Amino acid sequence: TFDQIQYFIAIAECNTYFDAAEELNLAAALSKQIIKLEKELGVALLDRSRRKASLTPAGETFYQDALALRRQYEI
């Protein structure tokens, strides 16, 4: 969904789920939505092995596509 794309962009720009959730005024739903998005796409978008959420190579590509989609949606 477009909401999932917005959530992913927020995490990519904030680098942590916590900061992104605060920015979006969301709680635990953010993590669940991103996991759902990854399952729908069949690819890991974020590396969760460290305290920060960093983009995987697929996540980098999707981030650029997500930004383009958001720009088109806002027109």
PDB file of N, CA and C in Angstrom:
ATOM      1  N   THR A   1       0.842  -1.186   0.000  1.00  0.00           N
ATOM      2  CA  THR A   1       0.000   0.000   0.000  1.00  0.00           C
ATOM      3  C   THR A   1       0.880   1.239   0.000  1.00  0.00           C
ATOM      4  N   PHE A   2       0.265   2.376  -0.302  1.00  0.00           N
ATOM      5  CA  PHE A   2       1.031   3.616  -0.269  1.00  0.00           C
ATOM      6  C   PHE A   2       1.490   3.932   1.156  1.00  0.00           C
ATOM      7  N   ASP A   3       0.683   3.568   2.154  1.00  0.00           N
ATOM      8  CA  ASP A   3       1.106   3.779   3.544  1.00  0.00           C
ATOM      9  C   ASP A   3       2.384   3.015   3.838  1.00  0.00           C
ATOM     10  N   GLN A   4       2.487   1.774   3.363  1.00  0.00           N
ATOM     11  CA  GLN A   4       3.701   0.989   3.587  1.00  0.00           C
ATOM     12  C   GLN A   4       4.907   1.655   2.944  1.00  0.00           C
ATOM     13  N   ILE A   5       4.711   2.220   1.769  1.00  0.00           N
ATOM     14  CA  ILE A   5       5.809   2.924   1.098  1.00  0.00           C
ATOM     15  C   ILE A   5       6.235   4.129   1.927  1.00  0.00           C
ATOM     16  N   GLN A   6       5.273   4.879   2.445  1.00  0.00           N
ATOM     17  CA  GLN A   6       5.584   6.031   3.300  1.00  0.00           C
ATOM     18  C   GLN A   6       6.346   5.592   4.548  1.00  0.00           C
ATOM     19  N   TYR A   7       5.931   4.480   5.151  1.00  0.00           N
ATOM     20  CA  TYR A   7       6.599   3.971   6.348  1.00  0.00           C
ATOM     21  C   TYR A   7       8.043   3.581   6.026  1.00  0.00           C
ATOM     22  N   PHE A   8       8.232   2.901   4.910  1.00  0.00           N
ATOM     23  CA  PHE A   8       9.573   2.492   4.505  1.00  0.00           C
ATOM     24  C   PHE A   8      10.466   3.710   4.294  1.00  0.00           C
ATOM     25  N   ILE A   9       9.953   4.738   3.615  1.00  0.00           N
ATOM     26  CA  ILE A   9      10.732   5.959   3.392  1.00  0.00           C
ATOM     27  C   ILE A   9      11.134   6.578   4.723  1.00  0.00           C
ATOM     28  N   ALA A  10      10.207   6.628   5.669  1.00  0.00           N
ATOM     29  CA  ALA A  10      10.512   7.208   6.984  1.00  0.00           C
ATOM     30  C   ALA A  10      11.622   6.441   7.683  1.00  0.00           C
ATOM     31  N   ILE A  11      11.585   5.125   7.632  1.00  0.00           N
ATOM     32  CA  ILE A  11      12.646   4.323   8.268  1.00  0.00           C
ATOM     33  C   ILE A  11      13.974   4.552   7.566  1.00  0.00           C
ATOM     34  N   ALA A  12      13.952   4.570   6.250  1.00  0.00           N
ATOM     35  CA  ALA A  12      15.191   4.789   5.493  1.00  0.00           C
ATOM     36  C   ALA A  12      15.801   6.144   5.829  1.00  0.00           C
ATOM     37  N   GLU A  13      14.978   7.138   6.034  1.00  0.00           N
ATOM     38  CA  GLU A  13      15.490   8.485   6.305  1.00  0.00           C
ATOM     39  C   GLU A  13      15.838   8.705   7.769  1.00  0.00           C
ATOM     40  N   CYS A  14      15.154   8.012   8.676  1.00  0.00           N
ATOM     41  CA  CYS A  14      15.427   8.173  10.112  1.00  0.00           C
ATOM     42  C   CYS A  14      16.472   7.188  10.633  1.00  0.00           C
ATOM     43  N   ASN A  15      16.669   6.076   9.917  1.00  0.00           N
ATOM     44  CA  ASN A  15      17.628   5.030  10.275  1.00  0.00           C
ATOM     45  C   ASN A  15      17.245   4.178  11.475  1.00  0.00           C
ATOM     46  N   THR A  16      16.139   4.453  12.136  1.00  0.00           N
ATOM     47  CA  THR A  16      15.669   3.587  13.213  1.00  0.00           C
ATOM     48  C   THR A  16      14.153   3.500  13.148  1.00  0.00           C
ATOM     49  N   TYR A  17      13.634   2.346  13.558  1.00  0.00           N
ATOM     50  CA  TYR A  17      12.183   2.183  13.643  1.00  0.00           C
ATOM     51  C   TYR A  17      11.604   3.173  14.657  1.00  0.00           C
ATOM     52  N   PHE A  18      12.279   3.328  15.788  1.00  0.00           N
ATOM     53  CA  PHE A  18      11.779   4.178  16.860  1.00  0.00           C
ATOM     54  C   PHE A  18      11.589   5.618  16.382  1.00  0.00           C
ATOM     55  N   ASP A  19      12.616   6.176  15.748  1.00  0.00           N
ATOM     56  CA  ASP A  19      12.516   7.559  15.275  1.00  0.00           C
ATOM     57  C   ASP A  19      11.458   7.699  14.183  1.00  0.00           C
ATOM     58  N   ALA A  20      11.382   6.714  13.307  1.00  0.00           N
ATOM     59  CA  ALA A  20      10.373   6.758  12.244  1.00  0.00           C
ATOM     60  C   ALA A  20       8.973   6.660  12.839  1.00  0.00           C
ATOM     61  N   ALA A  21       8.799   5.784  13.821  1.00  0.00           N
ATOM     62  CA  ALA A  21       7.491   5.639  14.461  1.00  0.00           C
ATOM     63  C   ALA A  21       7.079   6.933  15.152  1.00  0.00           C
ATOM     64  N   GLU A  22       8.033   7.605  15.783  1.00  0.00           N
ATOM     65  CA  GLU A  22       7.729   8.885  16.410  1.00  0.00           C
ATOM     66  C   GLU A  22       7.340   9.924  15.369  1.00  0.00           C
ATOM     67  N   GLU A  23       8.065   9.963  14.269  1.00  0.00           N
ATOM     68  CA  GLU A  23       7.775  10.922  13.205  1.00  0.00           C
ATOM     69  C   GLU A  23       6.386  10.694  12.613  1.00  0.00           C
ATOM     70  N   LEU A  24       6.014   9.426  12.484  1.00  0.00           N
ATOM     71  CA  LEU A  24       4.723   9.069  11.878  1.00  0.00           C
ATOM     72  C   LEU A  24       3.595   8.945  12.895  1.00  0.00           C
ATOM     73  N   ASN A  25       3.917   9.107  14.171  1.00  0.00           N
ATOM     74  CA  ASN A  25       2.942   8.928  15.247  1.00  0.00           C
ATOM     75  C   ASN A  25       2.343   7.525  15.248  1.00  0.00           C
ATOM     76  N   LEU A  26       3.212   6.543  15.082  1.00  0.00           N
ATOM     77  CA  LEU A  26       2.813   5.140  15.089  1.00  0.00           C
ATOM     78  C   LEU A  26       3.531   4.424  16.220  1.00  0.00           C
ATOM     79  N   ALA A  27       3.011   3.281  16.588  1.00  0.00           N
ATOM     80  CA  ALA A  27       3.683   2.468  17.599  1.00  0.00           C
ATOM     81  C   ALA A  27       4.205   1.199  16.943  1.00  0.00           C
ATOM     82  N   ALA A  28       3.848   0.046  17.456  1.00  0.00           N
ATOM     83  CA  ALA A  28       4.353  -1.232  16.950  1.00  0.00           C
ATOM     84  C   ALA A  28       3.889  -1.532  15.532  1.00  0.00           C
ATOM     85  N   ALA A  29       2.885  -0.847  15.060  1.00  0.00           N
ATOM     86  CA  ALA A  29       2.344  -1.106  13.721  1.00  0.00           C
ATOM     87  C   ALA A  29       3.387  -0.894  12.629  1.00  0.00           C
ATOM     88  N   LEU A  30       4.330  -0.019  12.845  1.00  0.00           N
ATOM     89  CA  LEU A  30       5.324   0.287  11.821  1.00  0.00           C
ATOM     90  C   LEU A  30       6.142  -0.948  11.457  1.00  0.00           C
ATOM     91  N   SER A  31       6.665  -1.626  12.433  1.00  0.00           N
ATOM     92  CA  SER A  31       7.470  -2.815  12.177  1.00  0.00           C
ATOM     93  C   SER A  31       6.642  -3.876  11.453  1.00  0.00           C
ATOM     94  N   LYS A  32       5.428  -4.084  11.892  1.00  0.00           N
ATOM     95  CA  LYS A  32       4.558  -5.086  11.268  1.00  0.00           C
ATOM     96  C   LYS A  32       4.274  -4.734   9.814  1.00  0.00           C
ATOM     97  N   GLN A  33       4.057  -3.455   9.527  1.00  0.00           N
ATOM     98  CA  GLN A  33       3.766  -3.045   8.159  1.00  0.00           C
ATOM     99  C   GLN A  33       4.968  -3.247   7.244  1.00  0.00           C
ATOM    100  N   ILE A  34       6.154  -2.985   7.743  1.00  0.00           N
ATOM    101  CA  ILE A  34       7.351  -3.165   6.916  1.00  0.00           C
ATOM    102  C   ILE A  34       7.615  -4.656   6.681  1.00  0.00           C
ATOM    103  N   ILE A  35       7.406  -5.475   7.691  1.00  0.00           N
ATOM    104  CA  ILE A  35       7.555  -6.919   7.505  1.00  0.00           C
ATOM    105  C   ILE A  35       6.549  -7.417   6.469  1.00  0.00           C
ATOM    106  N   LYS A  36       5.332  -6.908   6.541  1.00  0.00           N
ATOM    107  CA  LYS A  36       4.297  -7.272   5.563  1.00  0.00           C
ATOM    108  C   LYS A  36       4.719  -6.846   4.149  1.00  0.00           C
ATOM    109  N   LEU A  37       5.258  -5.639   4.024  1.00  0.00           N
ATOM    110  CA  LEU A  37       5.726  -5.147   2.732  1.00  0.00           C
ATOM    111  C   LEU A  37       6.832  -6.044   2.181  1.00  0.00           C
ATOM    112  N   GLU A  38       7.787  -6.408   3.025  1.00  0.00           N
ATOM    113  CA  GLU A  38       8.880  -7.288   2.586  1.00  0.00           C
ATOM    114  C   GLU A  38       8.354  -8.643   2.126  1.00  0.00           C
ATOM    115  N   LYS A  39       7.378  -9.176   2.832  1.00  0.00           N
ATOM    116  CA  LYS A  39       6.793 -10.461   2.429  1.00  0.00           C
ATOM    117  C   LYS A  39       6.084 -10.329   1.092  1.00  0.00           C
ATOM    118  N   GLU A  40       5.354  -9.234   0.904  1.00  0.00           N
ATOM    119  CA  GLU A  40       4.645  -9.011  -0.355  1.00  0.00           C
ATOM    120  C   GLU A  40       5.621  -8.876  -1.522  1.00  0.00           C
ATOM    121  N   LEU A  41       6.748  -8.229  -1.278  1.00  0.00           N
ATOM    122  CA  LEU A  41       7.749  -8.033  -2.331  1.00  0.00           C
ATOM    123  C   LEU A  41       8.673  -9.243  -2.484  1.00  0.00           C
ATOM    124  N   GLY A  42       8.740 -10.065  -1.454  1.00  0.00           N
ATOM    125  CA  GLY A  42       9.605 -11.239  -1.488  1.00  0.00           C
ATOM    126  C   GLY A  42      11.079 -10.907  -1.364  1.00  0.00           C
ATOM    127  N   VAL A  43      11.397  -9.823  -0.669  1.00  0.00           N
ATOM    128  CA  VAL A  43      12.787  -9.400  -0.531  1.00  0.00           C
ATOM    129  C   VAL A  43      12.959  -8.640   0.788  1.00  0.00           C
ATOM    130  N   ALA A  44      14.137  -8.781   1.404  1.00  0.00           N
ATOM    131  CA  ALA A  44      14.454  -8.023   2.612  1.00  0.00           C
ATOM    132  C   ALA A  44      14.880  -6.619   2.205  1.00  0.00           C
ATOM    133  N   LEU A  45      14.208  -5.634   2.748  1.00  0.00           N
ATOM    134  CA  LEU A  45      14.529  -4.241   2.433  1.00  0.00           C
ATOM    135  C   LEU A  45      15.469  -3.621   3.462  1.00  0.00           C
ATOM    136  N   LEU A  46      15.424  -4.144   4.685  1.00  0.00           N
ATOM    137  CA  LEU A  46      16.200  -3.578   5.778  1.00  0.00           C
ATOM    138  C   LEU A  46      17.057  -4.641   6.455  1.00  0.00           C
ATOM    139  N   ASP A  47      18.262  -4.252   6.818  1.00  0.00           N
ATOM    140  CA  ASP A  47      19.157  -5.101   7.594  1.00  0.00           C
ATOM    141  C   ASP A  47      18.923  -4.751   9.056  1.00  0.00           C
ATOM    142  N   ARG A  48      18.402  -5.687   9.799  1.00  0.00           N
ATOM    143  CA  ARG A  48      18.071  -5.458  11.206  1.00  0.00           C
ATOM    144  C   ARG A  48      19.110  -6.043  12.149  1.00  0.00           C
ATOM    145  N   SER A  49      20.291  -6.357  11.658  1.00  0.00           N
ATOM    146  CA  SER A  49      21.297  -7.022  12.478  1.00  0.00           C
ATOM    147  C   SER A  49      21.964  -6.079  13.476  1.00  0.00           C
ATOM    148  N   ARG A  50      21.810  -4.810  13.283  1.00  0.00           N
ATOM    149  CA  ARG A  50      22.388  -3.827  14.213  1.00  0.00           C
ATOM    150  C   ARG A  50      21.255  -3.049  14.865  1.00  0.00           C
ATOM    151  N   ARG A  51      21.589  -2.153  15.740  1.00  0.00           N
ATOM    152  CA  ARG A  51      20.581  -1.341  16.428  1.00  0.00           C
ATOM    153  C   ARG A  51      19.822  -0.457  15.437  1.00  0.00           C
ATOM    154  N   LYS A  52      20.516   0.015  14.405  1.00  0.00           N
ATOM    155  CA  LYS A  52      19.879   0.837  13.395  1.00  0.00           C
ATOM    156  C   LYS A  52      19.374  -0.037  12.263  1.00  0.00           C
ATOM    157  N   ALA A  53      18.345   0.460  11.597  1.00  0.00           N
ATOM    158  CA  ALA A  53      17.815  -0.241  10.422  1.00  0.00           C
ATOM    159  C   ALA A  53      18.504   0.341   9.200  1.00  0.00           C
ATOM    160  N   SER A  54      19.360  -0.451   8.563  1.00  0.00           N
ATOM    161  CA  SER A  54      20.046   0.028   7.368  1.00  0.00           C
ATOM    162  C   SER A  54      19.464  -0.671   6.145  1.00  0.00           C
ATOM    163  N   LEU A  55      19.548  -0.010   5.017  1.00  0.00           N
ATOM    164  CA  LEU A  55      18.989  -0.546   3.790  1.00  0.00           C
ATOM    165  C   LEU A  55      19.857  -1.656   3.212  1.00  0.00           C
ATOM    166  N   THR A  56      19.200  -2.701   2.739  1.00  0.00           N
ATOM    167  CA  THR A  56      19.888  -3.736   1.980  1.00  0.00           C
ATOM    168  C   THR A  56      20.065  -3.193   0.559  1.00  0.00           C
ATOM    169  N   PRO A  57      20.828  -3.872  -0.292  1.00  0.00           N
ATOM    170  CA  PRO A  57      20.906  -3.420  -1.688  1.00  0.00           C
ATOM    171  C   PRO A  57      19.516  -3.319  -2.345  1.00  0.00           C
ATOM    172  N   ALA A  58      18.660  -4.304  -2.069  1.00  0.00           N
ATOM    173  CA  ALA A  58      17.299  -4.247  -2.605  1.00  0.00           C
ATOM    174  C   ALA A  58      16.538  -3.066  -1.992  1.00  0.00           C
ATOM    175  N   GLY A  59      16.801  -2.801  -0.723  1.00  0.00           N
ATOM    176  CA  GLY A  59      16.168  -1.669  -0.046  1.00  0.00           C
ATOM    177  C   GLY A  59      16.586  -0.342  -0.651  1.00  0.00           C
ATOM    178  N   GLU A  60      17.861  -0.232  -1.025  1.00  0.00           N
ATOM    179  CA  GLU A  60      18.356   0.992  -1.685  1.00  0.00           C
ATOM    180  C   GLU A  60      17.595   1.243  -2.983  1.00  0.00           C
ATOM    181  N   THR A  61      17.435   0.189  -3.773  1.00  0.00           N
ATOM    182  CA  THR A  61      16.714   0.307  -5.038  1.00  0.00           C
ATOM    183  C   THR A  61      15.255   0.660  -4.788  1.00  0.00           C
ATOM    184  N   PHE A  62      14.628  -0.043  -3.839  1.00  0.00           N
ATOM    185  CA  PHE A  62      13.222   0.220  -3.550  1.00  0.00           C
ATOM    186  C   PHE A  62      13.026   1.628  -2.991  1.00  0.00           C
ATOM    187  N   TYR A  63      13.978   2.097  -2.212  1.00  0.00           N
ATOM    188  CA  TYR A  63      13.891   3.458  -1.652  1.00  0.00           C
ATOM    189  C   TYR A  63      13.810   4.488  -2.777  1.00  0.00           C
ATOM    190  N   GLN A  64      14.652   4.353  -3.776  1.00  0.00           N
ATOM    191  CA  GLN A  64      14.618   5.292  -4.904  1.00  0.00           C
ATOM    192  C   GLN A  64      13.276   5.211  -5.636  1.00  0.00           C
ATOM    193  N   ASP A  65      12.784   3.989  -5.835  1.00  0.00           N
ATOM    194  CA  ASP A  65      11.486   3.806  -6.482  1.00  0.00           C
ATOM    195  C   ASP A  65      10.359   4.370  -5.623  1.00  0.00           C
ATOM    196  N   ALA A  66      10.453   4.167  -4.316  1.00  0.00           N
ATOM    197  CA  ALA A  66       9.431   4.665  -3.397  1.00  0.00           C
ATOM    198  C   ALA A  66       9.375   6.190  -3.409  1.00  0.00           C
ATOM    199  N   LEU A  67      10.537   6.827  -3.447  1.00  0.00           N
ATOM    200  CA  LEU A  67      10.566   8.291  -3.517  1.00  0.00           C
ATOM    201  C   LEU A  67       9.908   8.785  -4.802  1.00  0.00           C
ATOM    202  N   ALA A  68      10.176   8.105  -5.913  1.00  0.00           N
ATOM    203  CA  ALA A  68       9.566   8.486  -7.190  1.00  0.00           C
ATOM    204  C   ALA A  68       8.051   8.304  -7.132  1.00  0.00           C
ATOM    205  N   LEU A  69       7.597   7.209  -6.534  1.00  0.00           N
ATOM    206  CA  LEU A  69       6.160   6.984  -6.391  1.00  0.00           C
ATOM    207  C   LEU A  69       5.514   8.074  -5.533  1.00  0.00           C
ATOM    208  N   ARG A  70       6.189   8.436  -4.443  1.00  0.00           N
ATOM    209  CA  ARG A  70       5.645   9.482  -3.575  1.00  0.00           C
ATOM    210  C   ARG A  70       5.561  10.810  -4.315  1.00  0.00           C
ATOM    211  N   ARG A  71       6.582  11.133  -5.101  1.00  0.00           N
ATOM    212  CA  ARG A  71       6.547  12.385  -5.868  1.00  0.00           C
ATOM    213  C   ARG A  71       5.380  12.377  -6.861  1.00  0.00           C
ATOM    214  N   GLN A  72       5.174  11.256  -7.529  1.00  0.00           N
ATOM    215  CA  GLN A  72       4.077  11.151  -8.488  1.00  0.00           C
ATOM    216  C   GLN A  72       2.725  11.234  -7.774  1.00  0.00           C
ATOM    217  N   TYR A  73       2.617  10.640  -6.607  1.00  0.00           N
ATOM    218  CA  TYR A  73       1.377  10.651  -5.846  1.00  0.00           C
ATOM    219  C   TYR A  73       1.024  12.059  -5.379  1.00  0.00           C
ATOM    220  N   GLU A  74       2.053  12.853  -5.051  1.00  0.00           N
ATOM    221  CA  GLU A  74       1.832  14.194  -4.521  1.00  0.00           C
ATOM    222  C   GLU A  74       1.465  15.209  -5.601  1.00  0.00           C
ATOM    223  N   ILE A  75       1.661  14.843  -6.863  1.00  0.00           N
ATOM    224  CA  ILE A  75       1.349  15.781  -7.966  1.00  0.00           C
ATOM    225  C   ILE A  75      -0.125  15.945  -8.141  1.00  0.00           C
TER     226      ILE A  75
END
